[in-house]
N, C-alpha and C. Protein backbone atom coordinates (compact mmCIF):
# COMPACT_ATOMS: atom_id res chain seq x y z
N MET A 1 10.29 -22.74 -90.67
CA MET A 1 11.43 -22.60 -89.80
C MET A 1 12.25 -23.89 -89.84
N ALA A 2 13.54 -23.76 -90.00
CA ALA A 2 14.43 -24.92 -90.08
C ALA A 2 14.61 -25.55 -88.70
N LEU A 3 14.70 -26.86 -88.70
CA LEU A 3 14.94 -27.56 -87.44
C LEU A 3 16.35 -27.34 -86.93
N PHE A 4 17.30 -27.32 -87.84
CA PHE A 4 18.69 -27.15 -87.45
C PHE A 4 19.24 -25.90 -88.09
N LYS A 5 19.80 -25.05 -87.29
CA LYS A 5 20.41 -23.84 -87.81
C LYS A 5 21.86 -24.14 -88.15
N LYS A 6 22.32 -23.61 -89.26
CA LYS A 6 23.71 -23.78 -89.65
C LYS A 6 24.56 -22.83 -88.83
N ARG A 7 25.50 -23.41 -88.09
CA ARG A 7 26.43 -22.58 -87.34
C ARG A 7 27.53 -22.14 -88.26
N THR A 8 27.74 -20.86 -88.34
CA THR A 8 28.80 -20.34 -89.20
C THR A 8 30.07 -20.07 -88.42
N VAL A 9 29.97 -19.98 -87.10
CA VAL A 9 31.13 -19.72 -86.27
C VAL A 9 31.19 -20.79 -85.20
N GLY A 10 32.34 -21.40 -85.05
CA GLY A 10 32.51 -22.43 -84.05
C GLY A 10 32.79 -21.84 -82.68
N LYS A 11 32.61 -22.67 -81.68
CA LYS A 11 32.95 -22.25 -80.33
C LYS A 11 34.47 -22.31 -80.18
N PRO A 12 35.04 -21.46 -79.36
CA PRO A 12 36.49 -21.52 -79.13
C PRO A 12 36.87 -22.90 -78.61
N GLY A 13 37.90 -23.47 -79.19
CA GLY A 13 38.38 -24.77 -78.75
C GLY A 13 37.73 -25.95 -79.45
N GLU A 14 36.86 -25.73 -80.43
CA GLU A 14 36.27 -26.82 -81.21
C GLU A 14 37.14 -27.06 -82.44
N TRP A 15 37.57 -28.29 -82.58
CA TRP A 15 38.41 -28.66 -83.71
C TRP A 15 37.75 -29.78 -84.48
N TYR A 16 37.89 -29.75 -85.79
CA TYR A 16 37.28 -30.73 -86.68
C TYR A 16 38.32 -31.25 -87.65
N TYR A 17 38.08 -32.46 -88.16
CA TYR A 17 38.90 -32.98 -89.24
C TYR A 17 38.04 -32.98 -90.49
N CYS A 18 38.45 -32.24 -91.51
CA CYS A 18 37.70 -32.14 -92.76
C CYS A 18 38.09 -33.29 -93.67
N LEU A 19 37.11 -34.11 -94.03
CA LEU A 19 37.34 -35.26 -94.91
C LEU A 19 37.58 -34.82 -96.35
N GLU A 20 37.02 -33.70 -96.74
CA GLU A 20 37.17 -33.18 -98.10
C GLU A 20 38.58 -32.63 -98.31
N HIS A 21 39.05 -31.81 -97.37
CA HIS A 21 40.35 -31.16 -97.52
C HIS A 21 41.48 -31.93 -96.83
N LYS A 22 41.11 -32.96 -96.04
CA LYS A 22 42.07 -33.79 -95.31
C LYS A 22 42.99 -32.94 -94.44
N LYS A 23 42.34 -32.06 -93.64
CA LYS A 23 43.12 -31.23 -92.73
C LYS A 23 42.28 -30.86 -91.51
N VAL A 24 42.96 -30.42 -90.48
CA VAL A 24 42.33 -29.99 -89.24
C VAL A 24 41.88 -28.54 -89.40
N GLU A 25 40.65 -28.27 -88.92
CA GLU A 25 40.10 -26.92 -89.00
C GLU A 25 39.50 -26.53 -87.66
N GLU A 26 39.63 -25.27 -87.30
CA GLU A 26 38.99 -24.78 -86.08
C GLU A 26 37.63 -24.24 -86.47
N GLY A 27 36.61 -24.74 -85.78
CA GLY A 27 35.25 -24.31 -86.09
C GLY A 27 34.67 -25.09 -87.25
N PRO A 28 33.35 -25.07 -87.38
CA PRO A 28 32.71 -25.82 -88.46
C PRO A 28 32.73 -25.06 -89.78
N ASP A 29 33.88 -25.03 -90.44
CA ASP A 29 34.00 -24.32 -91.71
C ASP A 29 33.34 -25.09 -92.85
N CYS A 30 33.47 -26.41 -92.85
CA CYS A 30 32.93 -27.24 -93.93
C CYS A 30 31.61 -27.86 -93.48
N PRO A 31 30.80 -28.33 -94.44
CA PRO A 31 29.52 -28.96 -94.09
C PRO A 31 29.72 -30.18 -93.18
N GLY A 32 28.72 -30.47 -92.37
CA GLY A 32 28.79 -31.58 -91.43
C GLY A 32 29.05 -32.92 -92.09
N LYS A 33 28.58 -33.11 -93.32
CA LYS A 33 28.78 -34.37 -94.02
C LYS A 33 30.24 -34.60 -94.38
N ASP A 34 31.05 -33.55 -94.32
CA ASP A 34 32.45 -33.63 -94.72
C ASP A 34 33.43 -33.54 -93.55
N ARG A 35 32.94 -33.69 -92.31
CA ARG A 35 33.87 -33.51 -91.20
C ARG A 35 33.59 -34.47 -90.05
N PHE A 36 34.63 -34.74 -89.28
CA PHE A 36 34.54 -35.47 -88.02
C PHE A 36 34.79 -34.46 -86.91
N GLY A 37 34.09 -34.60 -85.80
CA GLY A 37 34.33 -33.73 -84.66
C GLY A 37 33.04 -33.32 -84.01
N PRO A 38 33.09 -32.48 -83.03
CA PRO A 38 34.25 -31.69 -82.62
C PRO A 38 35.18 -32.46 -81.70
N TYR A 39 36.44 -32.07 -81.73
CA TYR A 39 37.47 -32.60 -80.85
C TYR A 39 37.96 -31.47 -79.96
N THR A 40 38.60 -31.82 -78.85
CA THR A 40 39.03 -30.81 -77.88
C THR A 40 40.37 -30.18 -78.20
N SER A 41 41.13 -30.79 -79.12
CA SER A 41 42.44 -30.23 -79.47
C SER A 41 42.74 -30.51 -80.93
N PRO A 42 43.62 -29.73 -81.52
CA PRO A 42 44.00 -30.01 -82.91
C PRO A 42 44.71 -31.35 -83.06
N GLN A 43 45.46 -31.76 -82.02
CA GLN A 43 46.15 -33.05 -82.06
C GLN A 43 45.15 -34.20 -82.11
N GLU A 44 44.07 -34.09 -81.33
CA GLU A 44 43.04 -35.12 -81.33
C GLU A 44 42.31 -35.14 -82.68
N ALA A 45 42.04 -33.98 -83.25
CA ALA A 45 41.39 -33.90 -84.56
C ALA A 45 42.28 -34.51 -85.64
N GLN A 46 43.59 -34.33 -85.52
CA GLN A 46 44.52 -34.90 -86.49
C GLN A 46 44.46 -36.42 -86.49
N ARG A 47 44.11 -37.01 -85.35
CA ARG A 47 43.99 -38.47 -85.22
C ARG A 47 42.58 -38.98 -85.57
N ALA A 48 41.73 -38.16 -86.13
CA ALA A 48 40.33 -38.51 -86.38
C ALA A 48 40.17 -39.81 -87.14
N MET A 49 40.95 -40.02 -88.19
CA MET A 49 40.82 -41.24 -88.98
C MET A 49 41.27 -42.47 -88.18
N ASP A 50 42.32 -42.31 -87.37
CA ASP A 50 42.77 -43.42 -86.51
C ASP A 50 41.73 -43.75 -85.45
N ILE A 51 41.14 -42.71 -84.86
CA ILE A 51 40.10 -42.90 -83.84
C ILE A 51 38.90 -43.61 -84.45
N ALA A 52 38.50 -43.23 -85.66
CA ALA A 52 37.37 -43.87 -86.33
C ALA A 52 37.69 -45.34 -86.62
N ALA A 53 38.90 -45.63 -87.06
CA ALA A 53 39.29 -47.02 -87.34
C ALA A 53 39.27 -47.86 -86.06
N GLU A 54 39.76 -47.28 -84.95
CA GLU A 54 39.75 -47.99 -83.67
C GLU A 54 38.32 -48.27 -83.22
N ARG A 55 37.44 -47.30 -83.36
CA ARG A 55 36.04 -47.48 -82.96
C ARG A 55 35.34 -48.51 -83.84
N ASN A 56 35.64 -48.49 -85.13
CA ASN A 56 35.04 -49.49 -86.03
C ASN A 56 35.48 -50.90 -85.65
N LEU A 57 36.75 -51.06 -85.31
CA LEU A 57 37.26 -52.37 -84.91
C LEU A 57 36.59 -52.83 -83.61
N GLN A 58 36.43 -51.93 -82.65
CA GLN A 58 35.75 -52.27 -81.40
C GLN A 58 34.31 -52.68 -81.69
N TRP A 59 33.62 -51.97 -82.57
CA TRP A 59 32.24 -52.27 -82.90
C TRP A 59 32.13 -53.64 -83.59
N GLU A 60 33.04 -53.91 -84.53
CA GLU A 60 33.01 -55.18 -85.26
C GLU A 60 33.23 -56.38 -84.35
N ASN A 61 33.97 -56.18 -83.26
CA ASN A 61 34.28 -57.27 -82.35
C ASN A 61 33.39 -57.29 -81.10
N ASP A 62 32.41 -56.43 -81.02
CA ASP A 62 31.53 -56.37 -79.87
C ASP A 62 30.39 -57.38 -80.04
N PRO A 63 30.31 -58.38 -79.17
CA PRO A 63 29.27 -59.41 -79.34
C PRO A 63 27.84 -58.87 -79.18
N ARG A 64 27.68 -57.73 -78.55
CA ARG A 64 26.34 -57.15 -78.39
C ARG A 64 25.75 -56.69 -79.71
N TRP A 65 26.58 -56.51 -80.74
CA TRP A 65 26.10 -56.01 -82.02
C TRP A 65 25.88 -57.12 -83.04
N HIS A 66 26.09 -58.35 -82.63
CA HIS A 66 25.88 -59.48 -83.55
C HIS A 66 24.57 -60.15 -83.19
N ASP A 67 23.58 -60.05 -84.06
CA ASP A 67 22.24 -60.57 -83.79
C ASP A 67 22.09 -62.05 -84.02
N ALA A 68 22.96 -62.65 -84.81
CA ALA A 68 22.82 -64.07 -85.14
C ALA A 68 23.09 -64.92 -83.91
N ALA A 69 22.20 -65.87 -83.66
CA ALA A 69 22.40 -66.79 -82.55
C ALA A 69 23.46 -67.82 -82.93
N ALA A 70 24.08 -68.41 -81.96
CA ALA A 70 25.10 -69.41 -82.22
C ALA A 70 24.50 -70.56 -83.02
N GLY A 71 25.10 -70.87 -84.16
CA GLY A 71 24.62 -71.99 -84.95
C GLY A 71 23.56 -71.63 -85.97
N GLY A 72 23.20 -70.37 -86.12
CA GLY A 72 22.17 -70.02 -87.10
C GLY A 72 22.18 -68.55 -87.44
N ASP A 73 21.52 -68.22 -88.53
CA ASP A 73 21.41 -66.83 -88.94
C ASP A 73 20.15 -66.22 -88.35
N ALA A 74 20.20 -64.94 -88.10
CA ALA A 74 19.03 -64.23 -87.58
C ALA A 74 17.94 -64.13 -88.64
N ASP A 75 18.32 -64.20 -89.94
CA ASP A 75 17.35 -64.08 -91.02
C ASP A 75 16.52 -65.34 -91.22
N ASP A 76 16.91 -66.46 -90.59
CA ASP A 76 16.22 -67.74 -90.77
C ASP A 76 14.89 -67.80 -90.05
N GLU A 77 14.59 -66.87 -89.17
CA GLU A 77 13.39 -66.93 -88.35
C GLU A 77 12.16 -66.52 -89.09
């Protein structure tokens, strides 16, 4: 028995951005590895790449994610 069942039909109001086709789709039409979402609106799904870039920038600048102590590398221990 598979752990995860493939959903062939999306819930109403689920929107995804397909990385393969570079377009907004309603429901999970493409494989999970090729999409971002779900989003609550097609407009939000259209901004998927911008949202991902904003989140990456926030992550890169978040001091909680930097393990190196001031003045040294974490790998030196």
